[in-house]
Amino acid sequence: MTDRRSFLKNTSLLTLSIPLLKTGLFAAPFARKLPALGIQLYMVKEDMEKDPSGTLKQIGKMGYTQIESYGGNKGVFWGMSNKEFSKLAKDNGLDVVSTHYAGNNEGFEKLAAEAVEIGMKYLTYPWKGPQKSIDNFKRIADEFNGYGTICKKNGLRFAYHPHDYPYKPVDGQLPIDVLLAGTDKELVDFQMDFYYTVTEGQDPEAYIKKHSPRFRLCHMRDVLKVRLPKGSEDESACDLGTGIINYPHLLSTVLDNGMEYFFVEQSRFYNETPLQSAAINAAYLETLKLT
């Protein structure tokens, strides 16, 4: 009788587990991956300027499915209309998710309308530069709220991309803290560049947890294990998985705290071309096991 009961119990558990395994509820902790692989086109800007069609074709074949553009010499749509550029990207398995753009209100209004037409999600402000006083950063926060209002009105989101300078003290405060406090969370998101956060001595996971879910996007590269002299931080950049950043743990943390979009942006190339580096980084992320 006991053996029969044990058999029935074990059979019931096995039967229950089969649909769970099929739906991934048991497998999820062991197969967790990023929702999509993205790349910031600034990384391959020379290739894009020469041959945007061929470059996007190569990027698509590497496994990337999302791209973030920027306001280069040919504009964020690389000399094409918004719809032409979007079609070229989609023909190569790529979605245009975001673009960096540092313009005025009129430029934001125009670009926001064009972005929504092709299903983009974000306009991201990339650079304000170091400021002489913390009050200047407070004014920038107000400016960002204005850009966020423009984006919201047009049906997309606004984000700010901090470089190194927001992590450097000004008047006894960190500008990044002032910008986070002074911007409306309903209007302004943030795109963390893990490289700059780490090279400026800050903990990216601590910031992301504290301000969850405001860091919705990121740029990914690594930091050399043996750092180069201060003042040459970009020279210390390296491909993902070859430096000091614990990406398996970091990416697990950011996924748990609302991050949605992940863009590779290597800035220093060692015995490789930018496209070769893009392929190396894509292969690393494809096989990465998150903790």
C-alpha atoms as a PDB file:
ATOM      1  CA  MET A   1       0.000   0.000   0.000  1.00  0.00           C
ATOM      2  CA  THR A   2       2.810   2.358   0.881  1.00  0.00           C
ATOM      3  CA  ASP A   3       4.612   1.606  -2.366  1.00  0.00           C
ATOM      4  CA  ARG A   4       1.429   2.252  -4.333  1.00  0.00           C
ATOM      5  CA  ARG A   5       0.859   5.592  -2.587  1.00  0.00           C
ATOM      6  CA  SER A   6       4.482   6.617  -3.190  1.00  0.00           C
ATOM      7  CA  PHE A   7       4.150   5.637  -6.852  1.00  0.00           C
ATOM      8  CA  LEU A   8       0.954   7.680  -7.261  1.00  0.00           C
ATOM      9  CA  LYS A   9       2.485  10.669  -5.455  1.00  0.00           C
ATOM     10  CA  ASN A  10       5.651  10.624  -7.553  1.00  0.00           C
ATOM     11  CA  THR A  11       3.666  10.138 -10.748  1.00  0.00           C
ATOM     12  CA  SER A  12       1.458  13.130  -9.872  1.00  0.00           C
ATOM     13  CA  LEU A  13       4.489  15.328  -9.222  1.00  0.00           C
ATOM     14  CA  LEU A  14       6.065  14.256 -12.487  1.00  0.00           C
ATOM     15  CA  THR A  15       2.846  14.979 -14.384  1.00  0.00           C
ATOM     16  CA  LEU A  16       2.640  18.413 -12.740  1.00  0.00           C
ATOM     17  CA  SER A  17       6.266  19.223 -13.548  1.00  0.00           C
ATOM     18  CA  ILE A  18       5.965  18.537 -17.290  1.00  0.00           C
ATOM     19  CA  PRO A  19       3.894  21.645 -18.171  1.00  0.00           C
ATOM     20  CA  LEU A  20       6.011  23.726 -15.818  1.00  0.00           C
ATOM     21  CA  LEU A  21       9.155  22.630 -17.619  1.00  0.00           C
ATOM     22  CA  LYS A  22       7.531  23.361 -20.973  1.00  0.00           C
ATOM     23  CA  THR A  23       6.563  26.876 -19.888  1.00  0.00           C
ATOM     24  CA  GLY A  24      10.037  27.512 -18.512  1.00  0.00           C
ATOM     25  CA  LEU A  25       9.041  28.108 -14.895  1.00  0.00           C
ATOM     26  CA  PHE A  26      11.646  25.646 -13.687  1.00  0.00           C
ATOM     27  CA  ALA A  27      14.149  26.383 -16.418  1.00  0.00           C
ATOM     28  CA  ALA A  28      14.091  30.181 -16.074  1.00  0.00           C
ATOM     29  CA  PRO A  29      16.714  30.502 -13.312  1.00  0.00           C
ATOM     30  CA  PHE A  30      19.138  28.453 -15.397  1.00  0.00           C
ATOM     31  CA  ALA A  31      18.403  30.068 -18.769  1.00  0.00           C
ATOM     32  CA  ARG A  32      18.018  33.732 -17.892  1.00  0.00           C
ATOM     33  CA  LYS A  33      19.250  36.022 -20.632  1.00  0.00           C
ATOM     34  CA  LEU A  34      18.970  39.642 -21.686  1.00  0.00           C
ATOM     35  CA  PRO A  35      15.684  40.444 -23.455  1.00  0.00           C
ATOM     36  CA  ALA A  36      17.609  41.599 -26.554  1.00  0.00           C
ATOM     37  CA  LEU A  37      21.117  42.523 -27.680  1.00  0.00           C
ATOM     38  CA  GLY A  38      21.648  46.140 -28.700  1.00  0.00           C
ATOM     39  CA  ILE A  39      24.533  48.210 -30.028  1.00  0.00           C
ATOM     40  CA  GLN A  40      25.182  51.962 -30.081  1.00  0.00           C
ATOM     41  CA  LEU A  41      26.111  52.874 -33.654  1.00  0.00           C
ATOM     42  CA  TYR A  42      28.757  55.363 -32.488  1.00  0.00           C
ATOM     43  CA  MET A  43      30.914  52.272 -31.910  1.00  0.00           C
ATOM     44  CA  VAL A  44      30.969  51.543 -35.647  1.00  0.00           C
ATOM     45  CA  LYS A  45      30.570  55.107 -36.892  1.00  0.00           C
ATOM     46  CA  GLU A  46      33.320  54.936 -39.539  1.00  0.00           C
ATOM     47  CA  ASP A  47      31.758  51.815 -41.038  1.00  0.00           C
ATOM     48  CA  MET A  48      28.286  53.382 -40.927  1.00  0.00           C
ATOM     49  CA  GLU A  49      29.520  56.522 -42.685  1.00  0.00           C
ATOM     50  CA  LYS A  50      31.045  54.439 -45.503  1.00  0.00           C
ATOM     51  CA  ASP A  51      28.393  51.760 -45.891  1.00  0.00           C
ATOM     52  CA  PRO A  52      25.316  51.883 -43.646  1.00  0.00           C
ATOM     53  CA  SER A  53      23.567  49.043 -45.460  1.00  0.00           C
ATOM     54  CA  GLY A  54      26.529  46.673 -45.311  1.00  0.00           C
ATOM     55  CA  THR A  55      27.305  47.585 -41.709  1.00  0.00           C
ATOM     56  CA  LEU A  56      23.763  46.946 -40.488  1.00  0.00           C
ATOM     57  CA  LYS A  57      23.770  43.648 -42.366  1.00  0.00           C
ATOM     58  CA  GLN A  58      26.893  42.544 -40.506  1.00  0.00           C
ATOM     59  CA  ILE A  59      25.509  43.704 -37.154  1.00  0.00           C
ATOM     60  CA  GLY A  60      22.309  41.754 -37.706  1.00  0.00           C
ATOM     61  CA  LYS A  61      24.249  38.592 -38.500  1.00  0.00           C
ATOM     62  CA  MET A  62      26.163  38.931 -35.212  1.00  0.00           C
ATOM     63  CA  GLY A  63      22.956  38.462 -33.212  1.00  0.00           C
ATOM     64  CA  TYR A  64      22.115  42.066 -32.406  1.00  0.00           C
ATOM     65  CA  THR A  65      18.419  42.881 -32.671  1.00  0.00           C
ATOM     66  CA  GLN A  66      18.324  46.499 -31.447  1.00  0.00           C
ATOM     67  CA  ILE A  67      20.274  49.615 -32.343  1.00  0.00           C
ATOM     68  CA  GLU A  68      20.745  53.043 -30.833  1.00  0.00           C
ATOM     69  CA  SER A  69      21.727  55.820 -33.215  1.00  0.00           C
ATOM     70  CA  TYR A  70      23.310  59.226 -32.562  1.00  0.00           C
ATOM     71  CA  GLY A  71      23.459  62.655 -34.137  1.00  0.00           C
ATOM     72  CA  GLY A  72      26.489  62.265 -36.404  1.00  0.00           C
ATOM     73  CA  ASN A  73      27.459  64.114 -39.574  1.00  0.00           C
ATOM     74  CA  LYS A  74      24.594  62.513 -41.506  1.00  0.00           C
ATOM     75  CA  GLY A  75      22.025  62.886 -38.745  1.00  0.00           C
ATOM     76  CA  VAL A  76      20.427  60.208 -36.613  1.00  0.00           C
ATOM     77  CA  PHE A  77      18.944  58.527 -39.705  1.00  0.00           C
ATOM     78  CA  TRP A  78      22.257  58.476 -41.600  1.00  0.00           C
ATOM     79  CA  GLY A  79      21.218  60.621 -44.555  1.00  0.00           C
ATOM     80  CA  MET A  80      17.931  58.775 -45.018  1.00  0.00           C
ATOM     81  CA  SER A  81      14.388  59.560 -44.006  1.00  0.00           C
ATOM     82  CA  ASN A  82      13.216  58.055 -40.740  1.00  0.00           C
ATOM     83  CA  LYS A  83      11.151  55.418 -42.580  1.00  0.00           C
ATOM     84  CA  GLU A  84      13.950  54.533 -45.006  1.00  0.00           C
ATOM     85  CA  PHE A  85      16.392  54.016 -42.158  1.00  0.00           C
ATOM     86  CA  SER A  86      13.874  52.004 -40.155  1.00  0.00           C
ATOM     87  CA  LYS A  87      13.178  49.745 -43.152  1.00  0.00           C
ATOM     88  CA  LEU A  88      16.903  49.187 -43.735  1.00  0.00           C
ATOM     89  CA  ALA A  89      17.317  48.234 -40.093  1.00  0.00           C
ATOM     90  CA  LYS A  90      14.299  45.910 -40.072  1.00  0.00           C
ATOM     91  CA  ASP A  91      15.465  44.230 -43.277  1.00  0.00           C
ATOM     92  CA  ASN A  92      18.501  43.176 -41.248  1.00  0.00           C
ATOM     93  CA  GLY A  93      16.575  42.052 -38.163  1.00  0.00           C
ATOM     94  CA  LEU A  94      17.169  45.267 -36.235  1.00  0.00           C
ATOM     95  CA  ASP A  95      14.810  47.610 -34.388  1.00  0.00           C
ATOM     96  CA  VAL A  96      15.729  51.287 -33.978  1.00  0.00           C
ATOM     97  CA  VAL A  97      15.004  51.654 -30.261  1.00  0.00           C
ATOM     98  CA  SER A  98      16.711  54.904 -29.313  1.00  0.00           C
ATOM     99  CA  THR A  99      18.969  57.680 -30.494  1.00  0.00           C
ATOM    100  CA  HIS A 100      21.309  60.104 -28.811  1.00  0.00           C
ATOM    101  CA  TYR A 101      20.478  63.690 -29.663  1.00  0.00           C
ATOM    102  CA  ALA A 102      21.603  66.969 -28.118  1.00  0.00           C
ATOM    103  CA  GLY A 103      19.404  69.643 -29.597  1.00  0.00           C
ATOM    104  CA  ASN A 104      17.008  72.403 -28.635  1.00  0.00           C
ATOM    105  CA  ASN A 105      13.263  72.213 -28.013  1.00  0.00           C
ATOM    106  CA  GLU A 106      12.422  72.721 -31.691  1.00  0.00           C
ATOM    107  CA  GLY A 107      14.794  69.927 -32.709  1.00  0.00           C
ATOM    108  CA  PHE A 108      13.348  67.633 -30.057  1.00  0.00           C
ATOM    109  CA  GLU A 109       9.791  68.298 -31.219  1.00  0.00           C
ATOM    110  CA  LYS A 110      10.658  67.399 -34.811  1.00  0.00           C
ATOM    111  CA  LEU A 111      12.722  64.335 -33.921  1.00  0.00           C
ATOM    112  CA  ALA A 112      10.137  63.078 -31.426  1.00  0.00           C
ATOM    113  CA  ALA A 113       7.466  63.065 -34.144  1.00  0.00           C
ATOM    114  CA  GLU A 114       9.790  61.237 -36.547  1.00  0.00           C
ATOM    115  CA  ALA A 115      10.810  58.739 -33.873  1.00  0.00           C
ATOM    116  CA  VAL A 116       7.246  57.784 -33.000  1.00  0.00           C
ATOM    117  CA  GLU A 117       6.460  57.206 -36.681  1.00  0.00           C
ATOM    118  CA  ILE A 118       8.938  54.310 -36.766  1.00  0.00           C
ATOM    119  CA  GLY A 119       8.208  52.871 -33.337  1.00  0.00           C
ATOM    120  CA  MET A 120      11.222  54.187 -31.432  1.00  0.00           C
ATOM    121  CA  LYS A 121      11.051  54.152 -27.640  1.00  0.00           C
ATOM    122  CA  TYR A 122      13.576  56.787 -26.489  1.00  0.00           C
ATOM    123  CA  LEU A 123      15.311  60.057 -27.248  1.00  0.00           C
ATOM    124  CA  THR A 124      18.429  60.193 -25.095  1.00  0.00           C
ATOM    125  CA  TYR A 125      20.428  63.321 -24.268  1.00  0.00           C
ATOM    126  CA  PRO A 126      24.120  62.363 -24.320  1.00  0.00           C
ATOM    127  CA  TRP A 127      26.189  65.311 -23.171  1.00  0.00           C
ATOM    128  CA  LYS A 128      26.064  68.537 -21.173  1.00  0.00           C
ATOM    129  CA  GLY A 129      29.675  68.626 -20.075  1.00  0.00           C
ATOM    130  CA  PRO A 130      31.244  69.643 -16.754  1.00  0.00           C
ATOM    131  CA  GLN A 131      29.661  72.653 -15.024  1.00  0.00           C
ATOM    132  CA  LYS A 132      31.188  75.280 -12.735  1.00  0.00           C
ATOM    133  CA  SER A 133      28.441  75.145 -10.117  1.00  0.00           C
ATOM    134  CA  ILE A 134      25.887  72.676  -8.827  1.00  0.00           C
ATOM    135  CA  ASP A 135      23.182  75.249  -9.576  1.00  0.00           C
ATOM    136  CA  ASN A 136      23.917  74.727 -13.260  1.00  0.00           C
ATOM    137  CA  PHE A 137      23.030  71.063 -12.863  1.00  0.00           C
ATOM    138  CA  LYS A 138      19.790  72.046 -11.143  1.00  0.00           C
ATOM    139  CA  ARG A 139      18.932  74.149 -14.190  1.00  0.00           C
ATOM    140  CA  ILE A 140      19.841  71.212 -16.433  1.00  0.00           C
ATOM    141  CA  ALA A 141      17.421  69.044 -14.458  1.00  0.00           C
ATOM    142  CA  ASP A 142      14.654  71.548 -15.237  1.00  0.00           C
ATOM    143  CA  GLU A 143      15.692  71.509 -18.899  1.00  0.00           C
ATOM    144  CA  PHE A 144      15.491  67.711 -18.962  1.00  0.00           C
ATOM    145  CA  ASN A 145      11.986  67.844 -17.487  1.00  0.00           C
ATOM    146  CA  GLY A 146      11.078  70.014 -20.471  1.00  0.00           C
ATOM    147  CA  TYR A 147      12.516  67.509 -22.942  1.00  0.00           C
ATOM    148  CA  GLY A 148      10.699  64.746 -21.086  1.00  0.00           C
ATOM    149  CA  THR A 149       7.434  66.634 -21.485  1.00  0.00           C
ATOM    150  CA  ILE A 150       8.018  66.916 -25.238  1.00  0.00           C
ATOM    151  CA  CYS A 151       8.714  63.200 -25.506  1.00  0.00           C
ATOM    152  CA  LYS A 152       5.705  62.226 -23.392  1.00  0.00           C
ATOM    153  CA  LYS A 153       3.432  64.426 -25.499  1.00  0.00           C
ATOM    154  CA  ASN A 154       4.644  62.572 -28.587  1.00  0.00           C
ATOM    155  CA  GLY A 155       4.304  59.101 -27.097  1.00  0.00           C
ATOM    156  CA  LEU A 156       7.864  58.128 -26.247  1.00  0.00           C
ATOM    157  CA  ARG A 157      10.348  58.476 -23.379  1.00  0.00           C
ATOM    158  CA  PHE A 158      13.281  60.792 -22.648  1.00  0.00           C
ATOM    159  CA  ALA A 159      16.509  59.673 -20.993  1.00  0.00           C
ATOM    160  CA  TYR A 160      19.823  61.204 -19.972  1.00  0.00           C
ATOM    161  CA  HIS A 161      23.169  59.461 -20.471  1.00  0.00           C
ATOM    162  CA  PRO A 162      25.724  60.467 -17.798  1.00  0.00           C
ATOM    163  CA  HIS A 163      29.403  60.317 -18.731  1.00  0.00           C
ATOM    164  CA  ASP A 164      32.174  60.689 -16.145  1.00  0.00           C
ATOM    165  CA  TYR A 165      31.584  64.298 -15.036  1.00  0.00           C
ATOM    166  CA  PRO A 166      28.254  63.759 -13.189  1.00  0.00           C
ATOM    167  CA  TYR A 167      30.148  61.467 -10.787  1.00  0.00           C
ATOM    168  CA  LYS A 168      32.736  64.152  -9.951  1.00  0.00           C
ATOM    169  CA  PRO A 169      31.910  66.369  -6.930  1.00  0.00           C
ATOM    170  CA  VAL A 170      30.835  69.962  -7.603  1.00  0.00           C
ATOM    171  CA  ASP A 171      30.277  72.285  -4.630  1.00  0.00           C
ATOM    172  CA  GLY A 172      30.372  69.247  -2.359  1.00  0.00           C
ATOM    173  CA  GLN A 173      27.673  67.314  -4.224  1.00  0.00           C
ATOM    174  CA  LEU A 174      27.604  64.717  -6.969  1.00  0.00           C
ATOM    175  CA  PRO A 175      25.782  66.101 -10.029  1.00  0.00           C
ATOM    176  CA  ILE A 176      24.262  62.677 -10.748  1.00  0.00           C
ATOM    177  CA  ASP A 177      22.469  62.860  -7.386  1.00  0.00           C
ATOM    178  CA  VAL A 178      21.208  66.363  -8.149  1.00  0.00           C
ATOM    179  CA  LEU A 179      19.967  65.292 -11.578  1.00  0.00           C
ATOM    180  CA  LEU A 180      18.176  62.248 -10.191  1.00  0.00           C
ATOM    181  CA  ALA A 181      16.531  64.331  -7.458  1.00  0.00           C
ATOM    182  CA  GLY A 182      15.672  67.277  -9.709  1.00  0.00           C
ATOM    183  CA  THR A 183      14.066  65.391 -12.579  1.00  0.00           C
ATOM    184  CA  ASP A 184      10.519  64.082 -12.613  1.00  0.00           C
ATOM    185  CA  LYS A 185      10.558  60.280 -12.623  1.00  0.00           C
ATOM    186  CA  GLU A 186       7.434  60.348 -14.782  1.00  0.00           C
ATOM    187  CA  LEU A 187       9.309  62.283 -17.466  1.00  0.00           C
ATOM    188  CA  VAL A 188      13.020  61.463 -17.241  1.00  0.00           C
ATOM    189  CA  ASP A 189      14.793  58.111 -17.251  1.00  0.00           C
ATOM    190  CA  PHE A 190      18.545  57.461 -17.164  1.00  0.00           C
ATOM    191  CA  GLN A 191      20.948  55.456 -19.288  1.00  0.00           C
ATOM    192  CA  MET A 192      23.846  54.224 -17.191  1.00  0.00           C
ATOM    193  CA  ASP A 193      27.240  53.765 -18.807  1.00  0.00           C
ATOM    194  CA  PHE A 194      28.665  51.056 -16.547  1.00  0.00           C
ATOM    195  CA  TYR A 195      32.196  51.940 -17.629  1.00  0.00           C
ATOM    196  CA  TYR A 196      32.070  55.539 -16.403  1.00  0.00           C
ATOM    197  CA  THR A 197      30.286  54.644 -13.180  1.00  0.00           C
ATOM    198  CA  VAL A 198      33.017  52.141 -12.321  1.00  0.00           C
ATOM    199  CA  THR A 199      35.990  54.252 -13.441  1.00  0.00           C
ATOM    200  CA  GLU A 200      34.705  57.137 -11.310  1.00  0.00           C
ATOM    201  CA  GLY A 201      34.720  54.893  -8.228  1.00  0.00           C
ATOM    202  CA  GLN A 202      30.969  54.407  -7.872  1.00  0.00           C
ATOM    203  CA  ASP A 203      28.971  51.182  -7.502  1.00  0.00           C
ATOM    204  CA  PRO A 204      26.548  50.800 -10.447  1.00  0.00           C
ATOM    205  CA  GLU A 205      24.448  48.194  -8.650  1.00  0.00           C
ATOM    206  CA  ALA A 206      23.988  50.432  -5.604  1.00  0.00           C
ATOM    207  CA  TYR A 207      22.790  53.343  -7.778  1.00  0.00           C
ATOM    208  CA  ILE A 208      20.441  51.166  -9.781  1.00  0.00           C
ATOM    209  CA  LYS A 209      18.899  49.572  -6.678  1.00  0.00           C
ATOM    210  CA  LYS A 210      18.513  52.891  -4.866  1.00  0.00           C
ATOM    211  CA  HIS A 211      16.806  54.592  -7.794  1.00  0.00           C
ATOM    212  CA  SER A 212      14.953  51.614  -9.269  1.00  0.00           C
ATOM    213  CA  PRO A 213      13.494  51.663 -11.891  1.00  0.00           C
ATOM    214  CA  ARG A 214      14.884  54.942 -13.258  1.00  0.00           C
ATOM    215  CA  PHE A 215      17.904  53.418 -15.025  1.00  0.00           C
ATOM    216  CA  ARG A 216      16.038  51.915 -17.981  1.00  0.00           C
ATOM    217  CA  LEU A 217      18.876  51.746 -20.509  1.00  0.00           C
ATOM    218  CA  CYS A 218      22.617  51.114 -20.390  1.00  0.00           C
ATOM    219  CA  HIS A 219      25.872  51.156 -22.308  1.00  0.00           C
ATOM    220  CA  MET A 220      28.142  48.159 -21.849  1.00  0.00           C
ATOM    221  CA  ARG A 221      31.915  47.824 -22.075  1.00  0.00           C
ATOM    222  CA  ASP A 222      34.479  46.599 -19.590  1.00  0.00           C
ATOM    223  CA  VAL A 223      37.395  48.103 -17.638  1.00  0.00           C
ATOM    224  CA  LEU A 224      40.942  46.763 -17.943  1.00  0.00           C
ATOM    225  CA  LYS A 225      42.150  44.763 -14.939  1.00  0.00           C
ATOM    226  CA  VAL A 226      45.324  46.865 -14.930  1.00  0.00           C
ATOM    227  CA  ARG A 227      44.108  50.435 -15.243  1.00  0.00           C
ATOM    228  CA  LEU A 228      45.961  52.982 -17.330  1.00  0.00           C
ATOM    229  CA  PRO A 229      46.922  56.348 -15.809  1.00  0.00           C
ATOM    230  CA  LYS A 230      44.234  58.711 -14.528  1.00  0.00           C
ATOM    231  CA  GLY A 231      43.038  60.972 -17.276  1.00  0.00           C
ATOM    232  CA  SER A 232      43.088  58.203 -19.842  1.00  0.00           C
ATOM    233  CA  GLU A 233      39.973  56.307 -18.740  1.00  0.00           C
ATOM    234  CA  ASP A 234      38.768  55.653 -22.291  1.00  0.00           C
ATOM    235  CA  GLU A 235      42.123  54.012 -22.937  1.00  0.00           C
ATOM    236  CA  SER A 236      41.239  51.543 -20.167  1.00  0.00           C
ATOM    237  CA  ALA A 237      38.119  50.267 -21.934  1.00  0.00           C
ATOM    238  CA  CYS A 238      38.067  46.665 -23.118  1.00  0.00           C
ATOM    239  CA  ASP A 239      35.704  44.056 -24.508  1.00  0.00           C
ATOM    240  CA  LEU A 240      33.050  42.558 -22.242  1.00  0.00           C
ATOM    241  CA  GLY A 241      34.265  39.711 -20.066  1.00  0.00           C
ATOM    242  CA  THR A 242      37.942  40.694 -20.271  1.00  0.00           C
ATOM    243  CA  GLY A 243      37.970  43.281 -17.477  1.00  0.00           C
ATOM    244  CA  ILE A 244      37.019  43.805 -13.852  1.00  0.00           C
ATOM    245  CA  ILE A 245      33.241  44.271 -14.101  1.00  0.00           C
ATOM    246  CA  ASN A 246      31.245  41.260 -12.921  1.00  0.00           C
ATOM    247  CA  TYR A 247      28.717  41.336 -15.740  1.00  0.00           C
ATOM    248  CA  PRO A 248      26.855  38.120 -14.830  1.00  0.00           C
ATOM    249  CA  HIS A 249      25.960  39.583 -11.425  1.00  0.00           C
ATOM    250  CA  LEU A 250      25.533  43.187 -12.603  1.00  0.00           C
ATOM    251  CA  LEU A 251      23.139  42.330 -15.412  1.00  0.00           C
ATOM    252  CA  SER A 252      21.079  40.115 -13.123  1.00  0.00           C
ATOM    253  CA  THR A 253      20.743  43.034 -10.704  1.00  0.00           C
ATOM    254  CA  VAL A 254      19.721  45.546 -13.352  1.00  0.00           C
ATOM    255  CA  LEU A 255      17.137  43.166 -14.823  1.00  0.00           C
ATOM    256  CA  ASP A 256      15.623  42.882 -11.357  1.00  0.00           C
ATOM    257  CA  ASN A 257      15.431  46.674 -11.118  1.00  0.00           C
ATOM    258  CA  GLY A 258      13.674  47.697 -14.292  1.00  0.00           C
ATOM    259  CA  MET A 259      16.382  47.951 -16.951  1.00  0.00           C
ATOM    260  CA  GLU A 260      15.027  47.189 -20.409  1.00  0.00           C
ATOM    261  CA  TYR A 261      17.547  48.151 -23.112  1.00  0.00           C
ATOM    262  CA  PHE A 262      21.177  47.044 -23.357  1.00  0.00           C
ATOM    263  CA  PHE A 263      23.627  48.583 -25.847  1.00  0.00           C
ATOM    264  CA  VAL A 264      27.233  47.542 -26.410  1.00  0.00           C
ATOM    265  CA  GLU A 265      29.503  50.559 -26.888  1.00  0.00           C
ATOM    266  CA  GLN A 266      33.174  49.675 -26.908  1.00  0.00           C
ATOM    267  CA  SER A 267      35.459  52.683 -27.382  1.00  0.00           C
ATOM    268  CA  ARG A 268      38.939  51.197 -27.531  1.00  0.00           C
ATOM    269  CA  PHE A 269      40.055  48.452 -29.902  1.00  0.00           C
ATOM    270  CA  TYR A 270      43.061  46.204 -29.340  1.00  0.00           C
ATOM    271  CA  ASN A 271      44.303  44.437 -32.489  1.00  0.00           C
ATOM    272  CA  GLU A 272      40.740  44.386 -33.814  1.00  0.00           C
ATOM    273  CA  THR A 273      38.378  46.529 -35.852  1.00  0.00           C
ATOM    274  CA  PRO A 274      35.201  48.036 -34.339  1.00  0.00           C
ATOM    275  CA  LEU A 275      33.102  45.432 -36.180  1.00  0.00           C
ATOM    276  CA  GLN A 276      35.313  42.614 -34.897  1.00  0.00           C
ATOM    277  CA  SER A 277      34.894  43.996 -31.386  1.00  0.00           C
ATOM    278  CA  ALA A 278      31.130  44.155 -31.915  1.00  0.00           C
ATOM    279  CA  ALA A 279      31.148  40.457 -32.845  1.00  0.00           C
ATOM    280  CA  ILE A 280      33.262  39.547 -29.793  1.00  0.00           C
ATOM    281  CA  ASN A 281      30.907  41.410 -27.464  1.00  0.00           C
ATOM    282  CA  ALA A 282      27.798  39.864 -29.032  1.00  0.00           C
ATOM    283  CA  ALA A 283      29.258  36.357 -28.655  1.00  0.00           C
ATOM    284  CA  TYR A 284      30.046  37.034 -24.989  1.00  0.00           C
ATOM    285  CA  LEU A 285      26.508  38.217 -24.232  1.00  0.00           C
ATOM    286  CA  GLU A 286      24.922  35.333 -26.148  1.00  0.00           C
ATOM    287  CA  THR A 287      26.699  32.771 -23.954  1.00  0.00           C
ATOM    288  CA  LEU A 288      26.587  34.753 -20.696  1.00  0.00           C
ATOM    289  CA  LYS A 289      25.037  32.909 -17.767  1.00  0.00           C
ATOM    290  CA  LEU A 290      23.441  35.410 -15.414  1.00  0.00           C
ATOM    291  CA  THR A 291      23.677  34.745 -11.676  1.00  0.00           C
END
